[in-house]
Amino acid sequence: MKHRSGIVGGIILVLLGVFFLAKQLVPEYFQFLDWTVVIIGLGVLFFLWAVIAGTGGLAVPGAILTGIGAIFFYQNQTGNWESWSFVWALIPAFIGVGIIIGGIIDRKFKRAFGDGLTLIIISGIFFFAFGSFFGLQHDLLQYWPVLLILLGLISIVRVAFSGKKQNV
């Protein structure tokens, strides 16, 4: 497993080096790629590395890079840089997605799904709460407390089905 991970990592580094060298030497062929696409591409490479090497932990940085790259791509295309005042709250959701995907790769889906879903809901709470204060306009924003209810229900269900006694 470690051997395969090292080979895959080495191949990815060589390919990245060739890509960036080619971009430096013949930039006219790479005008369609801006810095946001490169960030998204690096995230996708981490996902591929996680799947090929069978190392689910690499899905977390893949999800973070892909998600942040997507945010920057949106902001770069629209010029809506002010949205960073609340969009940053999605970063824990990216981590949650990475945990879930990593759990699938590592075959530990049950626990990973609960942990990842918790992060996604917490992130949603912050995203909608900050978004409602800093300019996100949508009729559904008034219902963001539903996410708090969901988080509470997940917590209750986790304790109820864990089989362990909790100290109160």
N, C-alpha and C. Protein backbone atom coordinates (compact mmCIF):
# COMPACT_ATOMS: atom_id res chain seq x y z
N MET A 1 0.83 -1.20 0.00
CA MET A 1 0.00 0.00 0.00
C MET A 1 0.87 1.26 0.00
N LYS A 2 1.87 1.31 0.91
CA LYS A 2 2.75 2.46 0.97
C LYS A 2 3.56 2.60 -0.31
N HIS A 3 3.99 1.46 -0.85
CA HIS A 3 4.77 1.46 -2.08
C HIS A 3 3.96 2.06 -3.23
N ARG A 4 2.71 1.63 -3.36
CA ARG A 4 1.84 2.13 -4.43
C ARG A 4 1.57 3.62 -4.25
N SER A 5 1.38 4.06 -3.00
CA SER A 5 1.13 5.47 -2.72
C SER A 5 2.33 6.32 -3.12
N GLY A 6 3.52 5.83 -2.82
CA GLY A 6 4.73 6.58 -3.19
C GLY A 6 4.90 6.68 -4.69
N ILE A 7 4.58 5.61 -5.42
CA ILE A 7 4.69 5.63 -6.87
C ILE A 7 3.68 6.60 -7.46
N VAL A 8 2.44 6.53 -6.98
CA VAL A 8 1.39 7.43 -7.49
C VAL A 8 1.76 8.88 -7.19
N GLY A 9 2.23 9.14 -5.96
CA GLY A 9 2.65 10.50 -5.61
C GLY A 9 3.77 11.00 -6.50
N GLY A 10 4.74 10.14 -6.77
CA GLY A 10 5.84 10.52 -7.65
C GLY A 10 5.38 10.82 -9.06
N ILE A 11 4.49 9.98 -9.59
CA ILE A 11 3.96 10.20 -10.93
C ILE A 11 3.21 11.52 -11.00
N ILE A 12 2.41 11.81 -9.99
CA ILE A 12 1.65 13.07 -9.97
C ILE A 12 2.59 14.26 -9.93
N LEU A 13 3.65 14.18 -9.12
CA LEU A 13 4.61 15.29 -9.06
C LEU A 13 5.32 15.50 -10.39
N VAL A 14 5.70 14.41 -11.06
CA VAL A 14 6.34 14.52 -12.37
C VAL A 14 5.38 15.15 -13.37
N LEU A 15 4.13 14.70 -13.39
CA LEU A 15 3.14 15.27 -14.31
C LEU A 15 2.89 16.75 -14.03
N LEU A 16 2.80 17.10 -12.76
CA LEU A 16 2.63 18.51 -12.42
C LEU A 16 3.82 19.34 -12.88
N GLY A 17 5.01 18.82 -12.66
CA GLY A 17 6.22 19.53 -13.10
C GLY A 17 6.24 19.72 -14.61
N VAL A 18 5.88 18.67 -15.36
CA VAL A 18 5.84 18.78 -16.82
C VAL A 18 4.79 19.81 -17.23
N PHE A 19 3.64 19.77 -16.59
CA PHE A 19 2.58 20.72 -16.92
C PHE A 19 3.03 22.16 -16.68
N PHE A 20 3.58 22.44 -15.49
CA PHE A 20 3.98 23.82 -15.18
C PHE A 20 5.16 24.28 -16.04
N LEU A 21 6.07 23.37 -16.37
CA LEU A 21 7.18 23.73 -17.26
C LEU A 21 6.64 24.06 -18.66
N ALA A 22 5.72 23.24 -19.16
CA ALA A 22 5.13 23.51 -20.47
C ALA A 22 4.37 24.83 -20.45
N LYS A 23 3.71 25.12 -19.35
CA LYS A 23 2.97 26.39 -19.22
C LYS A 23 3.92 27.58 -19.26
N GLN A 24 5.12 27.40 -18.71
CA GLN A 24 6.12 28.47 -18.74
C GLN A 24 6.73 28.64 -20.13
N LEU A 25 6.99 27.52 -20.81
CA LEU A 25 7.68 27.57 -22.09
C LEU A 25 6.78 27.94 -23.25
N VAL A 26 5.53 27.49 -23.24
CA VAL A 26 4.59 27.80 -24.33
C VAL A 26 3.26 28.27 -23.73
N PRO A 27 3.25 29.46 -23.16
CA PRO A 27 2.05 29.92 -22.45
C PRO A 27 0.83 30.12 -23.36
N GLU A 28 1.05 30.30 -24.66
CA GLU A 28 -0.09 30.52 -25.55
C GLU A 28 -1.03 29.31 -25.63
N TYR A 29 -0.53 28.12 -25.31
CA TYR A 29 -1.37 26.92 -25.32
C TYR A 29 -2.16 26.74 -24.03
N PHE A 30 -1.87 27.55 -23.05
CA PHE A 30 -2.50 27.37 -21.74
C PHE A 30 -3.27 28.62 -21.29
N GLN A 31 -3.66 29.47 -22.23
CA GLN A 31 -4.36 30.70 -21.88
C GLN A 31 -5.72 30.43 -21.26
N PHE A 32 -6.33 29.30 -21.56
CA PHE A 32 -7.65 28.96 -21.02
C PHE A 32 -7.59 28.63 -19.54
N LEU A 33 -6.41 28.33 -19.03
CA LEU A 33 -6.27 27.97 -17.62
C LEU A 33 -5.90 29.18 -16.79
N ASP A 34 -6.77 29.54 -15.87
CA ASP A 34 -6.38 30.58 -14.93
C ASP A 34 -6.05 29.92 -13.59
N TRP A 35 -5.66 30.70 -12.64
CA TRP A 35 -5.19 30.16 -11.36
C TRP A 35 -6.28 29.39 -10.62
N THR A 36 -7.54 29.75 -10.81
CA THR A 36 -8.61 29.03 -10.11
C THR A 36 -8.76 27.61 -10.64
N VAL A 37 -8.60 27.44 -11.94
CA VAL A 37 -8.71 26.11 -12.53
C VAL A 37 -7.55 25.23 -12.06
N VAL A 38 -6.38 25.83 -11.88
CA VAL A 38 -5.23 25.09 -11.38
C VAL A 38 -5.50 24.59 -9.96
N ILE A 39 -6.10 25.41 -9.11
CA ILE A 39 -6.43 24.99 -7.74
C ILE A 39 -7.43 23.83 -7.77
N ILE A 40 -8.46 23.95 -8.60
CA ILE A 40 -9.45 22.87 -8.72
C ILE A 40 -8.76 21.60 -9.23
N GLY A 41 -7.89 21.75 -10.22
CA GLY A 41 -7.18 20.61 -10.77
C GLY A 41 -6.31 19.92 -9.74
N LEU A 42 -5.66 20.69 -8.86
CA LEU A 42 -4.85 20.08 -7.80
C LEU A 42 -5.74 19.28 -6.84
N GLY A 43 -6.92 19.82 -6.55
CA GLY A 43 -7.85 19.09 -5.70
C GLY A 43 -8.28 17.77 -6.34
N VAL A 44 -8.56 17.80 -7.63
CA VAL A 44 -8.95 16.59 -8.35
C VAL A 44 -7.80 15.58 -8.34
N LEU A 45 -6.56 16.07 -8.46
CA LEU A 45 -5.41 15.17 -8.39
C LEU A 45 -5.32 14.48 -7.04
N PHE A 46 -5.61 15.20 -5.97
CA PHE A 46 -5.63 14.58 -4.65
C PHE A 46 -6.70 13.48 -4.58
N PHE A 47 -7.87 13.75 -5.16
CA PHE A 47 -8.92 12.73 -5.19
C PHE A 47 -8.45 11.49 -5.95
N LEU A 48 -7.85 11.71 -7.11
CA LEU A 48 -7.34 10.58 -7.90
C LEU A 48 -6.28 9.80 -7.13
N TRP A 49 -5.39 10.52 -6.47
CA TRP A 49 -4.34 9.89 -5.68
C TRP A 49 -4.96 9.06 -4.57
N ALA A 50 -5.99 9.59 -3.93
CA ALA A 50 -6.67 8.86 -2.85
C ALA A 50 -7.27 7.56 -3.36
N VAL A 51 -7.91 7.62 -4.52
CA VAL A 51 -8.56 6.42 -5.07
C VAL A 51 -7.52 5.41 -5.54
N ILE A 52 -6.53 5.86 -6.29
CA ILE A 52 -5.53 4.94 -6.84
C ILE A 52 -4.69 4.31 -5.74
N ALA A 53 -4.27 5.11 -4.76
CA ALA A 53 -3.42 4.59 -3.69
C ALA A 53 -4.23 3.92 -2.59
N GLY A 54 -5.54 4.10 -2.60
CA GLY A 54 -6.38 3.51 -1.55
C GLY A 54 -6.17 4.16 -0.20
N THR A 55 -5.83 5.44 -0.21
CA THR A 55 -5.58 6.19 1.01
C THR A 55 -6.64 7.26 1.15
N GLY A 56 -7.68 6.98 1.92
CA GLY A 56 -8.81 7.88 2.03
C GLY A 56 -8.49 9.24 2.63
N GLY A 57 -7.42 9.31 3.42
CA GLY A 57 -7.07 10.58 4.04
C GLY A 57 -6.74 11.67 3.03
N LEU A 58 -6.33 11.29 1.83
CA LEU A 58 -6.02 12.28 0.80
C LEU A 58 -7.26 12.92 0.20
N ALA A 59 -8.42 12.37 0.49
CA ALA A 59 -9.66 12.96 -0.02
C ALA A 59 -9.97 14.28 0.68
N VAL A 60 -9.50 14.45 1.92
CA VAL A 60 -9.79 15.69 2.65
C VAL A 60 -9.09 16.89 2.00
N PRO A 61 -7.75 16.85 1.77
CA PRO A 61 -7.17 18.00 1.07
C PRO A 61 -7.71 18.15 -0.35
N GLY A 62 -8.09 17.04 -0.99
CA GLY A 62 -8.69 17.14 -2.31
C GLY A 62 -10.00 17.90 -2.27
N ALA A 63 -10.82 17.62 -1.28
CA ALA A 63 -12.11 18.31 -1.15
C ALA A 63 -11.90 19.79 -0.81
N ILE A 64 -10.94 20.08 0.06
CA ILE A 64 -10.68 21.47 0.43
C ILE A 64 -10.20 22.27 -0.78
N LEU A 65 -9.21 21.73 -1.49
CA LEU A 65 -8.68 22.45 -2.66
C LEU A 65 -9.74 22.62 -3.75
N THR A 66 -10.49 21.57 -4.02
CA THR A 66 -11.52 21.66 -5.05
C THR A 66 -12.60 22.67 -4.66
N GLY A 67 -13.03 22.62 -3.40
CA GLY A 67 -14.06 23.55 -2.94
C GLY A 67 -13.61 24.99 -2.94
N ILE A 68 -12.43 25.25 -2.41
CA ILE A 68 -11.92 26.63 -2.39
C ILE A 68 -11.67 27.10 -3.81
N GLY A 69 -11.15 26.22 -4.66
CA GLY A 69 -10.95 26.59 -6.07
C GLY A 69 -12.27 26.95 -6.73
N ALA A 70 -13.33 26.20 -6.42
CA ALA A 70 -14.64 26.50 -6.99
C ALA A 70 -15.16 27.85 -6.50
N ILE A 71 -14.96 28.14 -5.22
CA ILE A 71 -15.37 29.45 -4.70
C ILE A 71 -14.62 30.56 -5.42
N PHE A 72 -13.30 30.42 -5.53
CA PHE A 72 -12.50 31.44 -6.21
C PHE A 72 -12.87 31.55 -7.69
N PHE A 73 -13.19 30.42 -8.32
CA PHE A 73 -13.62 30.45 -9.72
C PHE A 73 -14.89 31.28 -9.85
N TYR A 74 -15.87 31.01 -8.98
CA TYR A 74 -17.12 31.78 -9.00
C TYR A 74 -16.83 33.27 -8.79
N GLN A 75 -16.02 33.58 -7.78
CA GLN A 75 -15.75 34.98 -7.47
C GLN A 75 -14.97 35.66 -8.59
N ASN A 76 -14.04 34.94 -9.20
CA ASN A 76 -13.24 35.49 -10.29
C ASN A 76 -14.11 35.75 -11.52
N GLN A 77 -15.07 34.88 -11.78
CA GLN A 77 -15.94 35.03 -12.94
C GLN A 77 -16.97 36.14 -12.75
N THR A 78 -17.48 36.28 -11.52
CA THR A 78 -18.55 37.25 -11.28
C THR A 78 -18.05 38.58 -10.71
N GLY A 79 -16.85 38.58 -10.16
CA GLY A 79 -16.35 39.78 -9.49
C GLY A 79 -16.99 39.99 -8.13
N ASN A 80 -17.69 39.00 -7.64
CA ASN A 80 -18.39 39.09 -6.35
C ASN A 80 -17.46 38.68 -5.21
N TRP A 81 -16.39 39.44 -5.02
CA TRP A 81 -15.41 39.12 -3.98
C TRP A 81 -15.95 39.41 -2.59
N GLU A 82 -17.00 40.22 -2.49
CA GLU A 82 -17.59 40.52 -1.19
C GLU A 82 -18.22 39.27 -0.57
N SER A 83 -18.57 38.31 -1.41
CA SER A 83 -19.20 37.10 -0.90
C SER A 83 -18.27 36.31 0.02
N TRP A 84 -16.98 36.62 0.00
CA TRP A 84 -16.06 35.92 0.89
C TRP A 84 -16.43 36.14 2.36
N SER A 85 -17.18 37.22 2.65
CA SER A 85 -17.58 37.51 4.03
C SER A 85 -18.45 36.41 4.64
N PHE A 86 -19.05 35.56 3.80
CA PHE A 86 -19.83 34.44 4.33
C PHE A 86 -19.51 33.11 3.65
N VAL A 87 -18.93 33.13 2.46
CA VAL A 87 -18.66 31.89 1.73
C VAL A 87 -17.55 31.07 2.41
N TRP A 88 -16.68 31.72 3.15
CA TRP A 88 -15.60 30.99 3.85
C TRP A 88 -16.19 29.92 4.78
N ALA A 89 -17.42 30.12 5.22
CA ALA A 89 -18.06 29.18 6.15
C ALA A 89 -18.32 27.82 5.50
N LEU A 90 -18.14 27.71 4.19
CA LEU A 90 -18.33 26.42 3.52
C LEU A 90 -17.11 25.50 3.66
N ILE A 91 -15.99 26.03 4.11
CA ILE A 91 -14.76 25.22 4.21
C ILE A 91 -14.96 23.99 5.11
N PRO A 92 -15.61 24.09 6.28
CA PRO A 92 -15.86 22.86 7.04
C PRO A 92 -16.72 21.84 6.27
N ALA A 93 -17.61 22.32 5.41
CA ALA A 93 -18.40 21.39 4.60
C ALA A 93 -17.50 20.64 3.62
N PHE A 94 -16.51 21.32 3.06
CA PHE A 94 -15.56 20.65 2.17
C PHE A 94 -14.81 19.56 2.93
N ILE A 95 -14.43 19.86 4.16
CA ILE A 95 -13.76 18.86 4.99
C ILE A 95 -14.70 17.68 5.23
N GLY A 96 -15.97 17.97 5.51
CA GLY A 96 -16.95 16.91 5.71
C GLY A 96 -17.11 16.03 4.48
N VAL A 97 -17.15 16.64 3.31
CA VAL A 97 -17.24 15.87 2.07
C VAL A 97 -16.00 14.99 1.92
N GLY A 98 -14.82 15.56 2.23
CA GLY A 98 -13.59 14.78 2.15
C GLY A 98 -13.58 13.61 3.10
N ILE A 99 -14.12 13.81 4.31
CA ILE A 99 -14.20 12.72 5.29
C ILE A 99 -15.12 11.61 4.78
N ILE A 100 -16.25 11.98 4.21
CA ILE A 100 -17.18 10.98 3.68
C ILE A 100 -16.54 10.20 2.54
N ILE A 101 -15.93 10.90 1.59
CA ILE A 101 -15.28 10.22 0.46
C ILE A 101 -14.12 9.36 0.96
N GLY A 102 -13.35 9.88 1.92
CA GLY A 102 -12.27 9.09 2.51
C GLY A 102 -12.79 7.84 3.20
N GLY A 103 -13.94 7.95 3.86
CA GLY A 103 -14.56 6.79 4.49
C GLY A 103 -14.99 5.75 3.48
N ILE A 104 -15.46 6.21 2.33
CA ILE A 104 -15.82 5.26 1.27
C ILE A 104 -14.58 4.54 0.77
N ILE A 105 -13.51 5.28 0.56
CA ILE A 105 -12.26 4.68 0.06
C ILE A 105 -11.68 3.71 1.09
N ASP A 106 -11.70 4.09 2.36
CA ASP A 106 -11.13 3.25 3.43
C ASP A 106 -12.09 2.18 3.94
N ARG A 107 -13.30 2.15 3.39
CA ARG A 107 -14.35 1.19 3.80
C ARG A 107 -14.74 1.37 5.27
N LYS A 108 -14.79 2.62 5.70
CA LYS A 108 -15.25 2.97 7.05
C LYS A 108 -16.36 4.00 6.91
N PHE A 109 -17.32 3.69 6.05
CA PHE A 109 -18.32 4.66 5.65
C PHE A 109 -19.25 5.08 6.79
N LYS A 110 -19.66 4.14 7.63
CA LYS A 110 -20.66 4.44 8.66
C LYS A 110 -20.21 5.58 9.57
N ARG A 111 -19.03 5.45 10.14
CA ARG A 111 -18.54 6.50 11.03
C ARG A 111 -18.21 7.78 10.25
N ALA A 112 -17.59 7.61 9.10
CA ALA A 112 -17.20 8.78 8.30
C ALA A 112 -18.42 9.57 7.86
N PHE A 113 -19.50 8.88 7.52
CA PHE A 113 -20.70 9.58 7.07
C PHE A 113 -21.25 10.46 8.18
N GLY A 114 -21.33 9.92 9.40
CA GLY A 114 -21.83 10.72 10.52
C GLY A 114 -20.96 11.92 10.82
N ASP A 115 -19.64 11.70 10.85
CA ASP A 115 -18.72 12.81 11.12
C ASP A 115 -18.76 13.85 10.00
N GLY A 116 -18.76 13.38 8.76
CA GLY A 116 -18.79 14.30 7.63
C GLY A 116 -20.09 15.08 7.56
N LEU A 117 -21.21 14.39 7.80
CA LEU A 117 -22.51 15.06 7.76
C LEU A 117 -22.61 16.12 8.85
N THR A 118 -22.07 15.82 10.01
CA THR A 118 -22.07 16.81 11.09
C THR A 118 -21.33 18.07 10.67
N LEU A 119 -20.16 17.93 10.07
CA LEU A 119 -19.41 19.10 9.60
C LEU A 119 -20.16 19.86 8.51
N ILE A 120 -20.80 19.12 7.62
CA ILE A 120 -21.55 19.77 6.54
C ILE A 120 -22.70 20.60 7.12
N ILE A 121 -23.40 20.05 8.11
CA ILE A 121 -24.53 20.79 8.71
C ILE A 121 -24.03 22.00 9.49
N ILE A 122 -22.95 21.84 10.26
CA ILE A 122 -22.39 22.98 10.99
C ILE A 122 -21.98 24.07 10.00
N SER A 123 -21.35 23.67 8.92
CA SER A 123 -20.94 24.62 7.90
C SER A 123 -22.16 25.32 7.30
N GLY A 124 -23.22 24.56 7.04
CA GLY A 124 -24.44 25.16 6.50
C GLY A 124 -25.04 26.18 7.44
N ILE A 125 -25.00 25.88 8.74
CA ILE A 125 -25.51 26.83 9.73
C ILE A 125 -24.75 28.15 9.64
N PHE A 126 -23.42 28.06 9.65
CA PHE A 126 -22.62 29.28 9.58
C PHE A 126 -22.78 30.00 8.25
N PHE A 127 -22.84 29.24 7.16
CA PHE A 127 -23.00 29.84 5.84
C PHE A 127 -24.29 30.64 5.76
N PHE A 128 -25.40 30.02 6.16
CA PHE A 128 -26.68 30.72 6.06
C PHE A 128 -26.80 31.84 7.10
N ALA A 129 -26.25 31.63 8.29
CA ALA A 129 -26.31 32.69 9.31
C ALA A 129 -25.51 33.91 8.86
N PHE A 130 -24.26 33.70 8.46
CA PHE A 130 -23.44 34.83 8.00
C PHE A 130 -23.98 35.39 6.69
N GLY A 131 -24.47 34.51 5.82
CA GLY A 131 -25.03 34.98 4.55
C GLY A 131 -26.22 35.88 4.75
N SER A 132 -27.05 35.58 5.75
CA SER A 132 -28.21 36.42 5.99
C SER A 132 -27.81 37.79 6.51
N PHE A 133 -26.67 37.85 7.20
CA PHE A 133 -26.20 39.14 7.72
C PHE A 133 -25.39 39.93 6.68
N PHE A 134 -24.70 39.22 5.77
CA PHE A 134 -23.76 39.89 4.87
C PHE A 134 -24.18 39.88 3.41
N GLY A 135 -25.45 39.73 3.13
CA GLY A 135 -25.89 40.00 1.78
C GLY A 135 -26.39 38.86 0.94
N LEU A 136 -26.41 37.64 1.43
CA LEU A 136 -26.98 36.56 0.64
C LEU A 136 -28.50 36.74 0.67
N GLN A 137 -29.10 36.88 -0.49
CA GLN A 137 -30.53 37.15 -0.58
C GLN A 137 -31.27 35.93 -1.09
N HIS A 138 -32.07 35.34 -0.24
CA HIS A 138 -32.90 34.22 -0.66
C HIS A 138 -34.00 34.01 0.37
N ASP A 139 -35.17 33.59 -0.08
CA ASP A 139 -36.30 33.38 0.82
C ASP A 139 -36.05 32.25 1.82
N LEU A 140 -35.24 31.28 1.45
CA LEU A 140 -34.98 30.13 2.32
C LEU A 140 -34.11 30.50 3.53
N LEU A 141 -33.47 31.67 3.51
CA LEU A 141 -32.56 32.03 4.60
C LEU A 141 -33.26 32.09 5.95
N GLN A 142 -34.52 32.39 5.97
CA GLN A 142 -35.22 32.48 7.25
C GLN A 142 -35.35 31.12 7.93
N TYR A 143 -35.10 30.06 7.18
CA TYR A 143 -35.23 28.71 7.73
C TYR A 143 -33.90 28.08 8.14
N TRP A 144 -32.80 28.87 8.20
CA TRP A 144 -31.51 28.28 8.56
C TRP A 144 -31.52 27.64 9.94
N PRO A 145 -32.37 28.05 10.90
CA PRO A 145 -32.38 27.34 12.19
C PRO A 145 -32.78 25.87 12.08
N VAL A 146 -33.39 25.47 10.96
CA VAL A 146 -33.71 24.06 10.75
C VAL A 146 -32.42 23.23 10.79
N LEU A 147 -31.32 23.82 10.33
CA LEU A 147 -30.03 23.12 10.38
C LEU A 147 -29.60 22.86 11.82
N LEU A 148 -29.89 23.80 12.71
CA LEU A 148 -29.60 23.57 14.13
C LEU A 148 -30.41 22.39 14.66
N ILE A 149 -31.67 22.32 14.25
CA ILE A 149 -32.52 21.20 14.67
C ILE A 149 -31.94 19.89 14.15
N LEU A 150 -31.53 19.86 12.88
CA LEU A 150 -30.94 18.65 12.31
C LEU A 150 -29.67 18.23 13.04
N LEU A 151 -28.84 19.20 13.38
CA LEU A 151 -27.61 18.90 14.11
C LEU A 151 -27.94 18.30 15.48
N GLY A 152 -28.93 18.85 16.16
CA GLY A 152 -29.35 18.31 17.44
C GLY A 152 -29.89 16.89 17.32
N LEU A 153 -30.68 16.64 16.28
CA LEU A 153 -31.22 15.30 16.06
C LEU A 153 -30.12 14.29 15.76
N ILE A 154 -29.14 14.71 14.96
CA ILE A 154 -28.01 13.82 14.67
C ILE A 154 -27.27 13.47 15.96
N SER A 155 -27.08 14.46 16.81
CA SER A 155 -26.39 14.22 18.08
C SER A 155 -27.16 13.23 18.94
N ILE A 156 -28.47 13.41 19.01
CA ILE A 156 -29.31 12.51 19.81
C ILE A 156 -29.27 11.09 19.25
N VAL A 157 -29.40 10.95 17.95
CA VAL A 157 -29.39 9.63 17.32
C VAL A 157 -28.04 8.94 17.51
N ARG A 158 -26.96 9.70 17.40
CA ARG A 158 -25.62 9.12 17.61
C ARG A 158 -25.49 8.53 19.01
N VAL A 159 -25.92 9.29 20.00
CA VAL A 159 -25.82 8.81 21.38
C VAL A 159 -26.73 7.61 21.59
N ALA A 160 -27.93 7.68 21.03
CA ALA A 160 -28.90 6.60 21.22
C ALA A 160 -28.43 5.28 20.61
N PHE A 161 -27.74 5.36 19.49
CA PHE A 161 -27.31 4.14 18.81
C PHE A 161 -25.86 3.76 19.04
N SER A 162 -25.15 4.53 19.84
CA SER A 162 -23.74 4.20 20.07
C SER A 162 -23.58 3.02 21.01
N GLY A 163 -24.58 2.77 21.87
CA GLY A 163 -24.51 1.63 22.79
C GLY A 163 -23.68 1.91 24.02
N LYS A 164 -23.13 3.11 24.10
CA LYS A 164 -22.32 3.46 25.27
C LYS A 164 -23.12 4.38 26.18
N LYS A 165 -22.91 4.26 27.47
CA LYS A 165 -23.56 5.17 28.40
C LYS A 165 -22.80 6.49 28.39
N GLN A 166 -23.53 7.56 28.34
CA GLN A 166 -22.94 8.89 28.36
C GLN A 166 -23.07 9.49 29.74
N ASN A 167 -22.00 10.07 30.24
CA ASN A 167 -22.05 10.79 31.52
C ASN A 167 -22.70 12.14 31.30
N VAL A 168 -23.65 12.45 32.16
CA VAL A 168 -24.37 13.72 32.02
C VAL A 168 -23.85 14.71 33.00
